[in-house]
Amino acid sequence: IYAMLTRGQPYVEKSIEAFETTRHDRQLRALQRKARKLGLDLVPA
């Protein structure tokens, strides 16, 4: 609301697929950090 009222820009809806993609990337980065701490490498299936 603050961004729309101060900038005068309309709201642009993001799809649920965009949220799922963002969450997938976040989970992947978290797994990669844990793997590096354990001295391991993640290999795609």
ModelCIF file with pLDDT and N, C-alpha, C, O atoms, coordinates in Angstrom:
data_MODEL
#
_entry.id   MODEL 
#
_entity.id                         1 
_entity.type                       polymer 
_entity.pdbx_number_of_molecules   1 
#
_entity_poly.entity_id                      1 
_entity_poly.type                           'polypeptide(L)' 
_entity_poly.nstd_linkage                   no 
_entity_poly.nstd_monomer                   no 
_entity_poly.pdbx_seq_one_letter_code       IYAMLTRGQPYVEKSIEAFETTRHDRQLRALQRKARKLGLDLVPA 
_entity_poly.pdbx_seq_one_letter_code_can   IYAMLTRGQPYVEKSIEAFETTRHDRQLRALQRKARKLGLDLVPA 
_entity_poly.pdbx_strand_id                 A 
#
loop_
_entity_poly_seq.entity_id 
_entity_poly_seq.num 
_entity_poly_seq.mon_id 
_entity_poly_seq.hetero 
1 1  ILE n 
1 2  TYR n 
1 3  ALA n 
1 4  MET n 
1 5  LEU n 
1 6  THR n 
1 7  ARG n 
1 8  GLY n 
1 9  GLN n 
1 10 PRO n 
1 11 TYR n 
1 12 VAL n 
1 13 GLU n 
1 14 LYS n 
1 15 SER n 
1 16 ILE n 
1 17 GLU n 
1 18 ALA n 
1 19 PHE n 
1 20 GLU n 
1 21 THR n 
1 22 THR n 
1 23 ARG n 
1 24 HIS n 
1 25 ASP n 
1 26 ARG n 
1 27 GLN n 
1 28 LEU n 
1 29 ARG n 
1 30 ALA n 
1 31 LEU n 
1 32 GLN n 
1 33 ARG n 
1 34 LYS n 
1 35 ALA n 
1 36 ARG n 
1 37 LYS n 
1 38 LEU n 
1 39 GLY n 
1 40 LEU n 
1 41 ASP n 
1 42 LEU n 
1 43 VAL n 
1 44 PRO n 
1 45 ALA n 
#
_struct_asym.id          A 
_struct_asym.entity_id   1 
#
loop_
_ma_qa_metric.id 
_ma_qa_metric.mode 
_ma_qa_metric.name 
_ma_qa_metric.software_group_id 
_ma_qa_metric.type 
1 global pLDDT . pLDDT 
2 local  pLDDT . pLDDT 
#
_ma_qa_metric_global.metric_id      1 
_ma_qa_metric_global.metric_value   84.38 
_ma_qa_metric_global.model_id       1 
_ma_qa_metric_global.ordinal_id     1 
#
loop_
_ma_qa_metric_local.label_asym_id 
_ma_qa_metric_local.label_comp_id 
_ma_qa_metric_local.label_seq_id 
_ma_qa_metric_local.metric_id 
_ma_qa_metric_local.metric_value 
_ma_qa_metric_local.model_id 
_ma_qa_metric_local.ordinal_id 
A ILE 1  2 94.00 1 1  
A TYR 2  2 94.00 1 2  
A ALA 3  2 91.00 1 3  
A MET 4  2 91.00 1 4  
A LEU 5  2 92.00 1 5  
A THR 6  2 91.00 1 6  
A ARG 7  2 89.00 1 7  
A GLY 8  2 85.00 1 8  
A GLN 9  2 84.00 1 9  
A PRO 10 2 85.00 1 10 
A TYR 11 2 85.00 1 11 
A VAL 12 2 81.00 1 12 
A GLU 13 2 79.00 1 13 
A LYS 14 2 75.00 1 14 
A SER 15 2 71.00 1 15 
A ILE 16 2 73.00 1 16 
A GLU 17 2 76.00 1 17 
A ALA 18 2 75.00 1 18 
A PHE 19 2 72.00 1 19 
A GLU 20 2 77.00 1 20 
A THR 21 2 81.00 1 21 
A THR 22 2 82.00 1 22 
A ARG 23 2 81.00 1 23 
A HIS 24 2 82.00 1 24 
A ASP 25 2 83.00 1 25 
A ARG 26 2 85.00 1 26 
A GLN 27 2 85.00 1 27 
A LEU 28 2 86.00 1 28 
A ARG 29 2 89.00 1 29 
A ALA 30 2 87.00 1 30 
A LEU 31 2 88.00 1 31 
A GLN 32 2 87.00 1 32 
A ARG 33 2 90.00 1 33 
A LYS 34 2 90.00 1 34 
A ALA 35 2 87.00 1 35 
A ARG 36 2 89.00 1 36 
A LYS 37 2 89.00 1 37 
A LEU 38 2 87.00 1 38 
A GLY 39 2 88.00 1 39 
A LEU 40 2 86.00 1 40 
A ASP 41 2 85.00 1 41 
A LEU 42 2 84.00 1 42 
A VAL 43 2 83.00 1 43 
A PRO 44 2 82.00 1 44 
A ALA 45 2 81.00 1 45 
#
loop_
_atom_site.group_PDB 
_atom_site.id 
_atom_site.type_symbol 
_atom_site.label_atom_id 
_atom_site.label_alt_id 
_atom_site.label_comp_id 
_atom_site.label_asym_id 
_atom_site.label_entity_id 
_atom_site.label_seq_id 
_atom_site.pdbx_PDB_ins_code 
_atom_site.Cartn_x 
_atom_site.Cartn_y 
_atom_site.Cartn_z 
_atom_site.occupancy 
_atom_site.B_iso_or_equiv 
_atom_site.pdbx_formal_charge 
_atom_site.auth_seq_id 
_atom_site.auth_comp_id 
_atom_site.auth_asym_id 
_atom_site.auth_atom_id 
_atom_site.pdbx_PDB_model_num 
ATOM 1   N N  . ILE A 1 1  ? 0.831  -1.203  0.000   1.00 94.00 ? 1  ILE A N  1 
ATOM 2   C CA . ILE A 1 1  ? 0.000  0.000   0.000   1.00 94.00 ? 1  ILE A CA 1 
ATOM 3   C C  . ILE A 1 1  ? 0.867  1.254   0.000   1.00 94.00 ? 1  ILE A C  1 
ATOM 4   O O  . ILE A 1 1  ? 0.583  2.209   -0.724  1.00 94.00 ? 1  ILE A O  1 
ATOM 5   N N  . TYR A 1 2  ? 1.932  1.253   0.818   1.00 94.00 ? 2  TYR A N  1 
ATOM 6   C CA . TYR A 1 2  ? 2.808  2.425   0.872   1.00 94.00 ? 2  TYR A CA 1 
ATOM 7   C C  . TYR A 1 2  ? 3.479  2.657   -0.483  1.00 94.00 ? 2  TYR A C  1 
ATOM 8   O O  . TYR A 1 2  ? 3.574  3.791   -0.951  1.00 94.00 ? 2  TYR A O  1 
ATOM 9   N N  . ALA A 1 3  ? 3.938  1.580   -1.103  1.00 91.00 ? 3  ALA A N  1 
ATOM 10  C CA . ALA A 1 3  ? 4.612  1.726   -2.399  1.00 91.00 ? 3  ALA A CA 1 
ATOM 11  C C  . ALA A 1 3  ? 3.650  2.236   -3.461  1.00 91.00 ? 3  ALA A C  1 
ATOM 12  O O  . ALA A 1 3  ? 4.022  3.086   -4.270  1.00 91.00 ? 3  ALA A O  1 
ATOM 13  N N  . MET A 1 4  ? 2.428  1.737   -3.471  1.00 91.00 ? 4  MET A N  1 
ATOM 14  C CA . MET A 1 4  ? 1.471  2.163   -4.487  1.00 91.00 ? 4  MET A CA 1 
ATOM 15  C C  . MET A 1 4  ? 1.051  3.614   -4.288  1.00 91.00 ? 4  MET A C  1 
ATOM 16  O O  . MET A 1 4  ? 0.929  4.354   -5.264  1.00 91.00 ? 4  MET A O  1 
ATOM 17  N N  . LEU A 1 5  ? 0.827  4.041   -3.040  1.00 92.00 ? 5  LEU A N  1 
ATOM 18  C CA . LEU A 1 5  ? 0.357  5.404   -2.799  1.00 92.00 ? 5  LEU A CA 1 
ATOM 19  C C  . LEU A 1 5  ? 1.465  6.431   -2.998  1.00 92.00 ? 5  LEU A C  1 
ATOM 20  O O  . LEU A 1 5  ? 1.192  7.542   -3.454  1.00 92.00 ? 5  LEU A O  1 
ATOM 21  N N  . THR A 1 6  ? 2.698  6.091   -2.671  1.00 91.00 ? 6  THR A N  1 
ATOM 22  C CA . THR A 1 6  ? 3.790  7.058   -2.795  1.00 91.00 ? 6  THR A CA 1 
ATOM 23  C C  . THR A 1 6  ? 4.336  7.134   -4.218  1.00 91.00 ? 6  THR A C  1 
ATOM 24  O O  . THR A 1 6  ? 4.781  8.195   -4.657  1.00 91.00 ? 6  THR A O  1 
ATOM 25  N N  . ARG A 1 7  ? 4.304  6.015   -4.938  1.00 89.00 ? 7  ARG A N  1 
ATOM 26  C CA . ARG A 1 7  ? 4.840  6.004   -6.304  1.00 89.00 ? 7  ARG A CA 1 
ATOM 27  C C  . ARG A 1 7  ? 3.765  6.148   -7.368  1.00 89.00 ? 7  ARG A C  1 
ATOM 28  O O  . ARG A 1 7  ? 4.071  6.463   -8.518  1.00 89.00 ? 7  ARG A O  1 
ATOM 29  N N  . GLY A 1 8  ? 2.511  5.923   -7.001  1.00 85.00 ? 8  GLY A N  1 
ATOM 30  C CA . GLY A 1 8  ? 1.438  6.014   -7.977  1.00 85.00 ? 8  GLY A CA 1 
ATOM 31  C C  . GLY A 1 8  ? 1.450  4.911   -9.004  1.00 85.00 ? 8  GLY A C  1 
ATOM 32  O O  . GLY A 1 8  ? 0.933  5.094   -10.107 1.00 85.00 ? 8  GLY A O  1 
ATOM 33  N N  . GLN A 1 9  ? 2.031  3.758   -8.672  1.00 84.00 ? 9  GLN A N  1 
ATOM 34  C CA . GLN A 1 9  ? 2.124  2.651   -9.615  1.00 84.00 ? 9  GLN A CA 1 
ATOM 35  C C  . GLN A 1 9  ? 1.046  1.617   -9.330  1.00 84.00 ? 9  GLN A C  1 
ATOM 36  O O  . GLN A 1 9  ? 0.718  1.384   -8.167  1.00 84.00 ? 9  GLN A O  1 
ATOM 37  N N  . PRO A 1 10 ? 0.486  0.993   -10.356 1.00 85.00 ? 10 PRO A N  1 
ATOM 38  C CA . PRO A 1 10 ? -0.530 -0.040  -10.125 1.00 85.00 ? 10 PRO A CA 1 
ATOM 39  C C  . PRO A 1 10 ? 0.089  -1.323  -9.606  1.00 85.00 ? 10 PRO A C  1 
ATOM 40  O O  . PRO A 1 10 ? 1.295  -1.544  -9.712  1.00 85.00 ? 10 PRO A O  1 
ATOM 41  N N  . TYR A 1 11 ? -0.762 -2.158  -9.046  1.00 85.00 ? 11 TYR A N  1 
ATOM 42  C CA . TYR A 1 11 ? -0.300 -3.439  -8.524  1.00 85.00 ? 11 TYR A CA 1 
ATOM 43  C C  . TYR A 1 11 ? -0.170 -4.446  -9.667  1.00 85.00 ? 11 TYR A C  1 
ATOM 44  O O  . TYR A 1 11 ? -1.067 -4.578  -10.499 1.00 85.00 ? 11 TYR A O  1 
ATOM 45  N N  . VAL A 1 12 ? 0.960  -5.150  -9.693  1.00 81.00 ? 12 VAL A N  1 
ATOM 46  C CA . VAL A 1 12 ? 1.220  -6.174  -10.696 1.00 81.00 ? 12 VAL A CA 1 
ATOM 47  C C  . VAL A 1 12 ? 1.225  -7.517  -9.980  1.00 81.00 ? 12 VAL A C  1 
ATOM 48  O O  . VAL A 1 12 ? 2.074  -7.767  -9.125  1.00 81.00 ? 12 VAL A O  1 
ATOM 49  N N  . GLU A 1 13 ? 0.278  -8.375  -10.327 1.00 79.00 ? 13 GLU A N  1 
ATOM 50  C CA . GLU A 1 13 ? 0.125  -9.659  -9.663  1.00 79.00 ? 13 GLU A CA 1 
ATOM 51  C C  . GLU A 1 13 ? 1.180  -10.659 -10.142 1.00 79.00 ? 13 GLU A C  1 
ATOM 52  O O  . GLU A 1 13 ? 1.426  -10.794 -11.341 1.00 79.00 ? 13 GLU A O  1 
ATOM 53  N N  . LYS A 1 14 ? 1.800  -11.361 -9.179  1.00 75.00 ? 14 LYS A N  1 
ATOM 54  C CA . LYS A 1 14 ? 2.692  -12.468 -9.480  1.00 75.00 ? 14 LYS A CA 1 
ATOM 55  C C  . LYS A 1 14 ? 1.919  -13.780 -9.334  1.00 75.00 ? 14 LYS A C  1 
ATOM 56  O O  . LYS A 1 14 ? 1.059  -13.906 -8.462  1.00 75.00 ? 14 LYS A O  1 
ATOM 57  N N  . SER A 1 15 ? 2.222  -14.727 -10.169 1.00 71.00 ? 15 SER A N  1 
ATOM 58  C CA . SER A 1 15 ? 1.514  -15.998 -10.138 1.00 71.00 ? 15 SER A CA 1 
ATOM 59  C C  . SER A 1 15 ? 2.042  -16.880 -9.011  1.00 71.00 ? 15 SER A C  1 
ATOM 60  O O  . SER A 1 15 ? 3.101  -16.620 -8.440  1.00 71.00 ? 15 SER A O  1 
ATOM 61  N N  . ILE A 1 16 ? 1.277  -17.933 -8.703  1.00 73.00 ? 16 ILE A N  1 
ATOM 62  C CA . ILE A 1 16 ? 1.721  -18.902 -7.698  1.00 73.00 ? 16 ILE A CA 1 
ATOM 63  C C  . ILE A 1 16 ? 2.962  -19.631 -8.187  1.00 73.00 ? 16 ILE A C  1 
ATOM 64  O O  . ILE A 1 16 ? 3.813  -20.015 -7.385  1.00 73.00 ? 16 ILE A O  1 
ATOM 65  N N  . GLU A 1 17 ? 3.074  -19.827 -9.526  1.00 76.00 ? 17 GLU A N  1 
ATOM 66  C CA . GLU A 1 17 ? 4.262  -20.480 -10.060 1.00 76.00 ? 17 GLU A CA 1 
ATOM 67  C C  . GLU A 1 17 ? 5.515  -19.675 -9.760  1.00 76.00 ? 17 GLU A C  1 
ATOM 68  O O  . GLU A 1 17 ? 6.574  -20.245 -9.496  1.00 76.00 ? 17 GLU A O  1 
ATOM 69  N N  . ALA A 1 18 ? 5.400  -18.336 -9.800  1.00 75.00 ? 18 ALA A N  1 
ATOM 70  C CA . ALA A 1 18 ? 6.555  -17.501 -9.457  1.00 75.00 ? 18 ALA A CA 1 
ATOM 71  C C  . ALA A 1 18 ? 6.945  -17.683 -8.003  1.00 75.00 ? 18 ALA A C  1 
ATOM 72  O O  . ALA A 1 18 ? 8.132  -17.707 -7.676  1.00 75.00 ? 18 ALA A O  1 
ATOM 73  N N  . PHE A 1 19 ? 5.947  -17.813 -7.116  1.00 72.00 ? 19 PHE A N  1 
ATOM 74  C CA . PHE A 1 19 ? 6.265  -18.049 -5.709  1.00 72.00 ? 19 PHE A CA 1 
ATOM 75  C C  . PHE A 1 19 ? 6.931  -19.410 -5.517  1.00 72.00 ? 19 PHE A C  1 
ATOM 76  O O  . PHE A 1 19 ? 7.903  -19.524 -4.770  1.00 72.00 ? 19 PHE A O  1 
ATOM 77  N N  . GLU A 1 20 ? 6.415  -20.445 -6.188  1.00 77.00 ? 20 GLU A N  1 
ATOM 78  C CA . GLU A 1 20 ? 6.999  -21.771 -6.055  1.00 77.00 ? 20 GLU A CA 1 
ATOM 79  C C  . GLU A 1 20 ? 8.424  -21.794 -6.591  1.00 77.00 ? 20 GLU A C  1 
ATOM 80  O O  . GLU A 1 20 ? 9.289  -22.457 -6.018  1.00 77.00 ? 20 GLU A O  1 
ATOM 81  N N  . THR A 1 21 ? 8.678  -21.075 -7.687  1.00 81.00 ? 21 THR A N  1 
ATOM 82  C CA . THR A 1 21 ? 10.047 -21.006 -8.218  1.00 81.00 ? 21 THR A CA 1 
ATOM 83  C C  . THR A 1 21 ? 10.979 -20.316 -7.239  1.00 81.00 ? 21 THR A C  1 
ATOM 84  O O  . THR A 1 21 ? 12.102 -20.771 -7.024  1.00 81.00 ? 21 THR A O  1 
ATOM 85  N N  . THR A 1 22 ? 10.521 -19.219 -6.643  1.00 82.00 ? 22 THR A N  1 
ATOM 86  C CA . THR A 1 22 ? 11.349 -18.508 -5.661  1.00 82.00 ? 22 THR A CA 1 
ATOM 87  C C  . THR A 1 22 ? 11.630 -19.387 -4.450  1.00 82.00 ? 22 THR A C  1 
ATOM 88  O O  . THR A 1 22 ? 12.757 -19.415 -3.955  1.00 82.00 ? 22 THR A O  1 
ATOM 89  N N  . ARG A 1 23 ? 10.616 -20.105 -3.965  1.00 81.00 ? 23 ARG A N  1 
ATOM 90  C CA . ARG A 1 23 ? 10.818 -20.970 -2.810  1.00 81.00 ? 23 ARG A CA 1 
ATOM 91  C C  . ARG A 1 23 ? 11.755 -22.133 -3.145  1.00 81.00 ? 23 ARG A C  1 
ATOM 92  O O  . ARG A 1 23 ? 12.573 -22.535 -2.317  1.00 81.00 ? 23 ARG A O  1 
ATOM 93  N N  . HIS A 1 24 ? 11.631 -22.674 -4.371  1.00 82.00 ? 24 HIS A N  1 
ATOM 94  C CA . HIS A 1 24 ? 12.530 -23.761 -4.780  1.00 82.00 ? 24 HIS A CA 1 
ATOM 95  C C  . HIS A 1 24 ? 13.971 -23.289 -4.810  1.00 82.00 ? 24 HIS A C  1 
ATOM 96  O O  . HIS A 1 24 ? 14.864 -23.992 -4.336  1.00 82.00 ? 24 HIS A O  1 
ATOM 97  N N  . ASP A 1 25 ? 14.213 -22.094 -5.367  1.00 83.00 ? 25 ASP A N  1 
ATOM 98  C CA . ASP A 1 25 ? 15.579 -21.562 -5.413  1.00 83.00 ? 25 ASP A CA 1 
ATOM 99  C C  . ASP A 1 25 ? 16.119 -21.306 -4.007  1.00 83.00 ? 25 ASP A C  1 
ATOM 100 O O  . ASP A 1 25 ? 17.299 -21.540 -3.742  1.00 83.00 ? 25 ASP A O  1 
ATOM 101 N N  . ARG A 1 26 ? 15.257 -20.824 -3.104  1.00 85.00 ? 26 ARG A N  1 
ATOM 102 C CA . ARG A 1 26 ? 15.700 -20.580 -1.738  1.00 85.00 ? 26 ARG A CA 1 
ATOM 103 C C  . ARG A 1 26 ? 16.069 -21.886 -1.037  1.00 85.00 ? 26 ARG A C  1 
ATOM 104 O O  . ARG A 1 26 ? 17.082 -21.950 -0.340  1.00 85.00 ? 26 ARG A O  1 
ATOM 105 N N  . GLN A 1 27 ? 15.264 -22.912 -1.214  1.00 85.00 ? 27 GLN A N  1 
ATOM 106 C CA . GLN A 1 27 ? 15.563 -24.201 -0.610  1.00 85.00 ? 27 GLN A CA 1 
ATOM 107 C C  . GLN A 1 27 ? 16.843 -24.808 -1.180  1.00 85.00 ? 27 GLN A C  1 
ATOM 108 O O  . GLN A 1 27 ? 17.626 -25.418 -0.452  1.00 85.00 ? 27 GLN A O  1 
ATOM 109 N N  . LEU A 1 28 ? 17.052 -24.635 -2.490  1.00 86.00 ? 28 LEU A N  1 
ATOM 110 C CA . LEU A 1 28 ? 18.262 -25.158 -3.107  1.00 86.00 ? 28 LEU A CA 1 
ATOM 111 C C  . LEU A 1 28 ? 19.505 -24.468 -2.580  1.00 86.00 ? 28 LEU A C  1 
ATOM 112 O O  . LEU A 1 28 ? 20.515 -25.125 -2.331  1.00 86.00 ? 28 LEU A O  1 
ATOM 113 N N  . ARG A 1 29 ? 19.450 -23.150 -2.404  1.00 89.00 ? 29 ARG A N  1 
ATOM 114 C CA . ARG A 1 29 ? 20.607 -22.425 -1.861  1.00 89.00 ? 29 ARG A CA 1 
ATOM 115 C C  . ARG A 1 29 ? 20.889 -22.850 -0.426  1.00 89.00 ? 29 ARG A C  1 
ATOM 116 O O  . ARG A 1 29 ? 22.049 -22.949 -0.025  1.00 89.00 ? 29 ARG A O  1 
ATOM 117 N N  . ALA A 1 30 ? 19.824 -23.105 0.361   1.00 87.00 ? 30 ALA A N  1 
ATOM 118 C CA . ALA A 1 30 ? 20.020 -23.556 1.738   1.00 87.00 ? 30 ALA A CA 1 
ATOM 119 C C  . ALA A 1 30 ? 20.687 -24.931 1.774   1.00 87.00 ? 30 ALA A C  1 
ATOM 120 O O  . ALA A 1 30 ? 21.574 -25.167 2.594   1.00 87.00 ? 30 ALA A O  1 
ATOM 121 N N  . LEU A 1 31 ? 20.267 -25.839 0.891   1.00 88.00 ? 31 LEU A N  1 
ATOM 122 C CA . LEU A 1 31 ? 20.893 -27.159 0.841   1.00 88.00 ? 31 LEU A CA 1 
ATOM 123 C C  . LEU A 1 31 ? 22.353 -27.067 0.403   1.00 88.00 ? 31 LEU A C  1 
ATOM 124 O O  . LEU A 1 31 ? 23.198 -27.801 0.915   1.00 88.00 ? 31 LEU A O  1 
ATOM 125 N N  . GLN A 1 32 ? 22.654 -26.184 -0.529  1.00 87.00 ? 32 GLN A N  1 
ATOM 126 C CA . GLN A 1 32 ? 24.043 -26.017 -0.969  1.00 87.00 ? 32 GLN A CA 1 
ATOM 127 C C  . GLN A 1 32 ? 24.925 -25.468 0.153   1.00 87.00 ? 32 GLN A C  1 
ATOM 128 O O  . GLN A 1 32 ? 26.080 -25.871 0.287   1.00 87.00 ? 32 GLN A O  1 
ATOM 129 N N  . ARG A 1 33 ? 24.387 -24.550 0.958   1.00 90.00 ? 33 ARG A N  1 
ATOM 130 C CA . ARG A 1 33 ? 25.174 -24.055 2.084   1.00 90.00 ? 33 ARG A CA 1 
ATOM 131 C C  . ARG A 1 33 ? 25.465 -25.160 3.094   1.00 90.00 ? 33 ARG A C  1 
ATOM 132 O O  . ARG A 1 33 ? 26.584 -25.271 3.595   1.00 90.00 ? 33 ARG A O  1 
ATOM 133 N N  . LYS A 1 34 ? 24.440 -25.989 3.397   1.00 90.00 ? 34 LYS A N  1 
ATOM 134 C CA . LYS A 1 34 ? 24.653 -27.090 4.332   1.00 90.00 ? 34 LYS A CA 1 
ATOM 135 C C  . LYS A 1 34 ? 25.663 -28.098 3.784   1.00 90.00 ? 34 LYS A C  1 
ATOM 136 O O  . LYS A 1 34 ? 26.487 -28.628 4.529   1.00 90.00 ? 34 LYS A O  1 
ATOM 137 N N  . ALA A 1 35 ? 25.593 -28.356 2.478   1.00 87.00 ? 35 ALA A N  1 
ATOM 138 C CA . ALA A 1 35 ? 26.538 -29.300 1.878   1.00 87.00 ? 35 ALA A CA 1 
ATOM 139 C C  . ALA A 1 35 ? 27.968 -28.786 1.953   1.00 87.00 ? 35 ALA A C  1 
ATOM 140 O O  . ALA A 1 35 ? 28.888 -29.556 2.229   1.00 87.00 ? 35 ALA A O  1 
ATOM 141 N N  . ARG A 1 36 ? 28.167 -27.484 1.710   1.00 89.00 ? 36 ARG A N  1 
ATOM 142 C CA . ARG A 1 36 ? 29.514 -26.928 1.787   1.00 89.00 ? 36 ARG A CA 1 
ATOM 143 C C  . ARG A 1 36 ? 30.074 -27.003 3.207   1.00 89.00 ? 36 ARG A C  1 
ATOM 144 O O  . ARG A 1 36 ? 31.267 -27.245 3.392   1.00 89.00 ? 36 ARG A O  1 
ATOM 145 N N  . LYS A 1 37 ? 29.219 -26.797 4.208   1.00 89.00 ? 37 LYS A N  1 
ATOM 146 C CA . LYS A 1 37 ? 29.683 -26.896 5.588   1.00 89.00 ? 37 LYS A CA 1 
ATOM 147 C C  . LYS A 1 37 ? 30.124 -28.320 5.944   1.00 89.00 ? 37 LYS A C  1 
ATOM 148 O O  . LYS A 1 37 ? 31.032 -28.518 6.751   1.00 89.00 ? 37 LYS A O  1 
ATOM 149 N N  . LEU A 1 38 ? 29.463 -29.310 5.324   1.00 87.00 ? 38 LEU A N  1 
ATOM 150 C CA . LEU A 1 38 ? 29.811 -30.715 5.580   1.00 87.00 ? 38 LEU A CA 1 
ATOM 151 C C  . LEU A 1 38 ? 30.871 -31.233 4.621   1.00 87.00 ? 38 LEU A C  1 
ATOM 152 O O  . LEU A 1 38 ? 31.219 -32.413 4.666   1.00 87.00 ? 38 LEU A O  1 
ATOM 153 N N  . GLY A 1 39 ? 31.385 -30.376 3.762   1.00 88.00 ? 39 GLY A N  1 
ATOM 154 C CA . GLY A 1 39 ? 32.411 -30.804 2.800   1.00 88.00 ? 39 GLY A CA 1 
ATOM 155 C C  . GLY A 1 39 ? 31.884 -31.678 1.688   1.00 88.00 ? 39 GLY A C  1 
ATOM 156 O O  . GLY A 1 39 ? 32.616 -32.518 1.165   1.00 88.00 ? 39 GLY A O  1 
ATOM 157 N N  . LEU A 1 40 ? 30.626 -31.499 1.315   1.00 86.00 ? 40 LEU A N  1 
ATOM 158 C CA . LEU A 1 40 ? 30.005 -32.311 0.294   1.00 86.00 ? 40 LEU A CA 1 
ATOM 159 C C  . LEU A 1 40 ? 29.619 -31.437 -0.888  1.00 86.00 ? 40 LEU A C  1 
ATOM 160 O O  . LEU A 1 40 ? 29.601 -30.209 -0.805  1.00 86.00 ? 40 LEU A O  1 
ATOM 161 N N  . ASP A 1 41 ? 29.313 -32.101 -1.978  1.00 85.00 ? 41 ASP A N  1 
ATOM 162 C CA . ASP A 1 41 ? 28.829 -31.428 -3.184  1.00 85.00 ? 41 ASP A CA 1 
ATOM 163 C C  . ASP A 1 41 ? 27.477 -32.005 -3.580  1.00 85.00 ? 41 ASP A C  1 
ATOM 164 O O  . ASP A 1 41 ? 27.275 -33.218 -3.531  1.00 85.00 ? 41 ASP A O  1 
ATOM 165 N N  . LEU A 1 42 ? 26.564 -31.144 -3.967  1.00 84.00 ? 42 LEU A N  1 
ATOM 166 C CA . LEU A 1 42 ? 25.259 -31.570 -4.450  1.00 84.00 ? 42 LEU A CA 1 
ATOM 167 C C  . LEU A 1 42 ? 25.353 -31.851 -5.945  1.00 84.00 ? 42 LEU A C  1 
ATOM 168 O O  . LEU A 1 42 ? 25.864 -31.036 -6.713  1.00 84.00 ? 42 LEU A O  1 
ATOM 169 N N  . VAL A 1 43 ? 24.858 -33.002 -6.337  1.00 83.00 ? 43 VAL A N  1 
ATOM 170 C CA . VAL A 1 43 ? 24.884 -33.404 -7.733  1.00 83.00 ? 43 VAL A CA 1 
ATOM 171 C C  . VAL A 1 43 ? 23.444 -33.568 -8.204  1.00 83.00 ? 43 VAL A C  1 
ATOM 172 O O  . VAL A 1 43 ? 22.696 -34.329 -7.588  1.00 83.00 ? 43 VAL A O  1 
ATOM 173 N N  . PRO A 1 44 ? 23.025 -32.892 -9.264  1.00 82.00 ? 44 PRO A N  1 
ATOM 174 C CA . PRO A 1 44 ? 21.641 -33.062 -9.739  1.00 82.00 ? 44 PRO A CA 1 
ATOM 175 C C  . PRO A 1 44 ? 21.376 -34.499 -10.152 1.00 82.00 ? 44 PRO A C  1 
ATOM 176 O O  . PRO A 1 44 ? 22.248 -35.187 -10.682 1.00 82.00 ? 44 PRO A O  1 
ATOM 177 N N  . ALA A 1 45 ? 20.139 -34.938 -9.894  1.00 81.00 ? 45 ALA A N  1 
ATOM 178 C CA . ALA A 1 45 ? 19.758 -36.289 -10.270 1.00 81.00 ? 45 ALA A CA 1 
ATOM 179 C C  . ALA A 1 45 ? 19.650 -36.409 -11.784 1.00 81.00 ? 45 ALA A C  1 
ATOM 180 O O  . ALA A 1 45 ? 19.337 -37.482 -12.298 1.00 81.00 ? 45 ALA A O  1 
#
